[in-house]
Amino acid sequence: MDPHERKRQILDRSAEIFSRKGVSATTIREIGDAVGVYSGALYHYFPSKEAIVTELIREYLEDLTARCAEVTERNLPPVERLEALAEIALATSEQYHGATSIWRREGEYMRERVVEADMVETADAMQVAWREAIADGVADGTFRSDIDPEVFRELLYDAVWHASRWFRSGPDATTADLARTVISVFVDGLRRRHN
């Protein structure tokens, strides 16, 4: 097997095992068995189990950040921008299911990996995009100013983040559909009321 393909296989199988068992409960031997190589051979591809986790998170965060940048560059109105960001969050959570499952399961550990890998700015890009969209909506009068924007962002972000645990897209329900639904439910409560 080509080294690039083997590395991809190690990442994919590791993500499955980590998301099922947790990082600390997973051994290098288990990963080696899952990809059909001796555990010592894994060190030719990754220097440690933590390096595997870091690479899984790096792939996820870099893709998420690039997609966020594309949305913010489009200069969409606040509601449409929130819908686009929600769709990105749902789509990447589905695409990088292993990485997001590990993150949900072991958030503090994952944050340590992010700090060690100097990816904090990348990891925070999505939250910054949400904050800016909400602030722009408050500034232009689309959203109410009497609701703490940070509380609103946390509620919205958690709803989207946790929806990826149970939602699987298909022909009758796409990530775009769910993004519109989530944003509609939240934004209708945040929309400025006209007297």
Protein backbone atom coordinates (compact mmCIF):
# COMPACT_ATOMS: atom_id res chain seq x y z
CA MET A 1 0.00 0.00 0.00
CA ASP A 2 1.23 3.48 -0.90
CA PRO A 3 2.48 5.42 2.19
CA HIS A 4 -0.09 8.18 1.67
CA GLU A 5 -2.92 5.63 1.50
CA ARG A 6 -1.61 3.86 4.60
CA LYS A 7 -1.45 7.14 6.52
CA ARG A 8 -5.04 7.90 5.51
CA GLN A 9 -6.09 4.41 6.60
CA ILE A 10 -4.41 4.89 9.98
CA LEU A 11 -6.18 8.21 10.48
CA ASP A 12 -9.59 6.86 9.47
CA ARG A 13 -9.40 3.71 11.59
CA SER A 14 -7.96 5.61 14.54
CA ALA A 15 -10.83 8.10 14.37
CA GLU A 16 -13.32 5.24 14.53
CA ILE A 17 -11.63 3.64 17.52
CA PHE A 18 -11.02 6.92 19.38
CA SER A 19 -14.63 8.01 18.94
CA ARG A 20 -15.88 4.64 20.21
CA LYS A 21 -13.44 3.98 23.08
CA GLY A 22 -11.83 7.31 23.83
CA VAL A 23 -8.24 8.30 23.22
CA SER A 24 -6.76 7.22 26.54
CA ALA A 25 -8.41 3.78 26.37
CA THR A 26 -7.09 3.14 22.85
CA THR A 27 -3.69 1.53 22.41
CA ILE A 28 -1.27 1.78 19.52
CA ARG A 29 -1.55 -2.01 19.24
CA GLU A 30 -5.33 -1.72 18.64
CA ILE A 31 -4.74 0.83 15.91
CA GLY A 32 -2.07 -1.37 14.35
CA ASP A 33 -4.40 -4.39 14.43
CA ALA A 34 -7.18 -2.32 12.84
CA VAL A 35 -4.97 -1.34 9.89
CA GLY A 36 -3.17 -4.65 9.64
CA VAL A 37 0.35 -3.57 10.63
CA TYR A 38 2.57 -4.17 13.64
CA SER A 39 2.19 -1.44 16.20
CA GLY A 40 5.86 -0.53 15.82
CA ALA A 41 5.28 0.17 12.12
CA LEU A 42 2.80 2.92 13.01
CA TYR A 43 5.70 5.01 14.28
CA HIS A 44 6.94 5.32 10.69
CA TYR A 45 3.79 7.37 10.02
CA PHE A 46 3.10 9.08 13.35
CA PRO A 47 5.46 9.56 16.30
CA SER A 48 2.68 8.99 18.87
CA LYS A 49 -1.00 8.41 19.45
CA GLU A 50 -1.31 12.13 20.25
CA ALA A 51 0.14 12.96 16.84
CA ILE A 52 -2.64 10.93 15.21
CA VAL A 53 -5.26 12.81 17.22
CA THR A 54 -3.63 16.14 16.37
CA GLU A 55 -3.64 15.33 12.65
CA LEU A 56 -7.33 14.35 12.76
CA ILE A 57 -8.18 17.64 14.43
CA ARG A 58 -5.91 19.64 12.12
CA GLU A 59 -7.67 18.29 9.02
CA TYR A 60 -11.08 19.08 10.49
CA LEU A 61 -10.21 22.57 11.72
CA GLU A 62 -8.40 23.63 8.55
CA ASP A 63 -11.35 22.60 6.37
CA LEU A 64 -13.86 24.21 8.75
CA THR A 65 -11.86 27.45 8.80
CA ALA A 66 -11.51 27.58 5.01
CA ARG A 67 -15.26 27.12 4.60
CA CYS A 68 -15.96 29.84 7.19
CA ALA A 69 -13.66 32.22 5.33
CA GLU A 70 -15.56 31.57 2.09
CA VAL A 71 -18.84 32.45 3.81
CA THR A 72 -17.55 35.62 5.45
CA GLU A 73 -16.02 36.79 2.16
CA ARG A 74 -19.48 36.59 0.53
CA ASN A 75 -20.68 39.42 2.79
CA LEU A 76 -24.11 37.86 3.31
CA PRO A 77 -26.79 39.52 5.45
CA PRO A 78 -26.66 38.29 9.08
CA VAL A 79 -29.48 35.71 8.92
CA GLU A 80 -28.21 34.15 5.68
CA ARG A 81 -24.67 34.15 7.07
CA LEU A 82 -25.84 32.29 10.19
CA GLU A 83 -27.61 29.74 7.97
CA ALA A 84 -24.45 29.25 5.91
CA LEU A 85 -22.32 28.87 9.05
CA ALA A 86 -24.78 26.38 10.54
CA GLU A 87 -24.71 24.37 7.33
CA ILE A 88 -20.90 24.33 7.37
CA ALA A 89 -20.85 23.20 11.00
CA LEU A 90 -23.31 20.39 10.27
CA ALA A 91 -21.61 19.29 7.05
CA THR A 92 -18.11 19.22 8.53
CA SER A 93 -19.34 17.42 11.64
CA GLU A 94 -20.77 14.76 9.37
CA GLN A 95 -17.72 14.61 7.11
CA TYR A 96 -15.27 14.54 10.04
CA HIS A 97 -17.47 12.43 12.30
CA GLY A 98 -14.51 10.79 14.03
CA ALA A 99 -12.80 14.08 14.87
CA THR A 100 -15.99 15.73 16.12
CA SER A 101 -16.97 12.65 18.15
CA ILE A 102 -13.57 12.67 19.82
CA TRP A 103 -13.90 16.40 20.49
CA ARG A 104 -17.34 16.00 22.08
CA ARG A 105 -16.16 13.08 24.17
CA GLU A 106 -12.84 14.56 25.26
CA GLY A 107 -13.13 18.31 24.86
CA GLU A 108 -10.48 19.32 27.40
CA TYR A 109 -7.96 16.85 25.98
CA MET A 110 -8.70 18.10 22.46
CA ARG A 111 -8.23 21.70 23.51
CA GLU A 112 -4.78 20.74 24.84
CA ARG A 113 -3.90 19.18 21.46
CA VAL A 114 -5.06 22.37 19.72
CA VAL A 115 -2.90 24.56 21.96
CA GLU A 116 0.14 22.29 21.57
CA ALA A 117 -0.26 22.26 17.78
CA ASP A 118 -0.59 26.08 17.68
CA MET A 119 -4.08 25.85 16.15
CA VAL A 120 -6.01 28.03 18.62
CA GLU A 121 -6.71 30.76 16.07
CA THR A 122 -7.87 28.17 13.56
CA ALA A 123 -10.05 26.47 16.18
CA ASP A 124 -11.69 29.77 17.11
CA ALA A 125 -12.44 30.90 13.53
CA MET A 126 -15.98 29.48 13.55
CA GLN A 127 -16.87 31.17 16.82
CA VAL A 128 -15.49 34.47 15.54
CA ALA A 129 -17.64 34.15 12.39
CA TRP A 130 -20.77 33.49 14.51
CA ARG A 131 -19.98 36.49 16.74
CA GLU A 132 -19.50 38.80 13.77
CA ALA A 133 -22.76 37.71 12.11
CA ILE A 134 -24.71 38.27 15.33
CA ALA A 135 -23.02 41.63 15.99
CA ASP A 136 -23.78 42.75 12.42
CA GLY A 137 -27.42 41.72 12.90
CA VAL A 138 -27.70 43.71 16.11
CA ALA A 139 -25.94 46.70 14.48
CA ASP A 140 -28.22 46.77 11.44
CA GLY A 141 -31.39 46.32 13.51
CA THR A 142 -32.20 42.79 12.31
CA PHE A 143 -31.62 41.33 15.78
CA ARG A 144 -32.69 42.49 19.20
CA SER A 145 -30.15 44.35 21.30
CA ASP A 146 -31.65 43.33 24.66
CA ILE A 147 -30.39 39.74 24.43
CA ASP A 148 -26.76 39.06 25.27
CA PRO A 149 -25.17 38.18 21.91
CA GLU A 150 -22.67 35.85 23.58
CA VAL A 151 -25.43 33.84 25.26
CA PHE A 152 -27.30 33.68 21.96
CA ARG A 153 -24.15 32.50 20.15
CA GLU A 154 -23.47 29.80 22.75
CA LEU A 155 -27.05 28.50 22.58
CA LEU A 156 -27.07 28.50 18.80
CA TYR A 157 -23.62 26.98 18.49
CA ASP A 158 -24.46 24.21 20.98
CA ALA A 159 -27.71 23.39 19.16
CA VAL A 160 -25.86 23.00 15.87
CA TRP A 161 -22.90 21.19 17.42
CA HIS A 162 -25.08 18.66 19.24
CA ALA A 163 -27.44 18.14 16.31
CA SER A 164 -24.56 16.46 14.52
CA ARG A 165 -24.80 13.63 17.06
CA TRP A 166 -28.19 12.47 15.80
CA PHE A 167 -28.66 14.07 12.38
CA ARG A 168 -27.65 12.21 9.21
CA SER A 169 -28.35 13.91 5.92
CA GLY A 170 -30.25 12.16 3.16
CA PRO A 171 -32.46 12.90 0.18
CA ASP A 172 -35.36 14.01 2.38
CA ALA A 173 -33.34 16.03 4.90
CA THR A 174 -30.14 17.82 3.97
CA THR A 175 -27.72 19.71 6.17
CA ALA A 176 -28.98 22.89 4.49
CA ASP A 177 -32.54 22.02 5.55
CA LEU A 178 -31.52 21.45 9.15
CA ALA A 179 -29.38 24.62 9.17
CA ARG A 180 -32.38 26.68 7.99
CA THR A 181 -34.61 25.08 10.63
CA VAL A 182 -32.16 25.69 13.50
CA ILE A 183 -31.50 29.27 12.47
CA SER A 184 -35.22 29.95 11.98
CA VAL A 185 -36.07 28.62 15.45
CA PHE A 186 -33.35 30.69 17.11
CA VAL A 187 -33.41 33.82 14.97
CA ASP A 188 -37.17 34.29 15.15
CA GLY A 189 -36.69 34.74 18.89
CA LEU A 190 -33.81 37.15 18.36
CA ARG A 191 -35.41 39.18 15.57
CA ARG A 192 -36.20 42.71 16.55
CA ARG A 193 -39.89 43.16 17.24
CA HIS A 194 -41.66 45.97 15.40
CA ASN A 195 -44.22 47.73 17.59
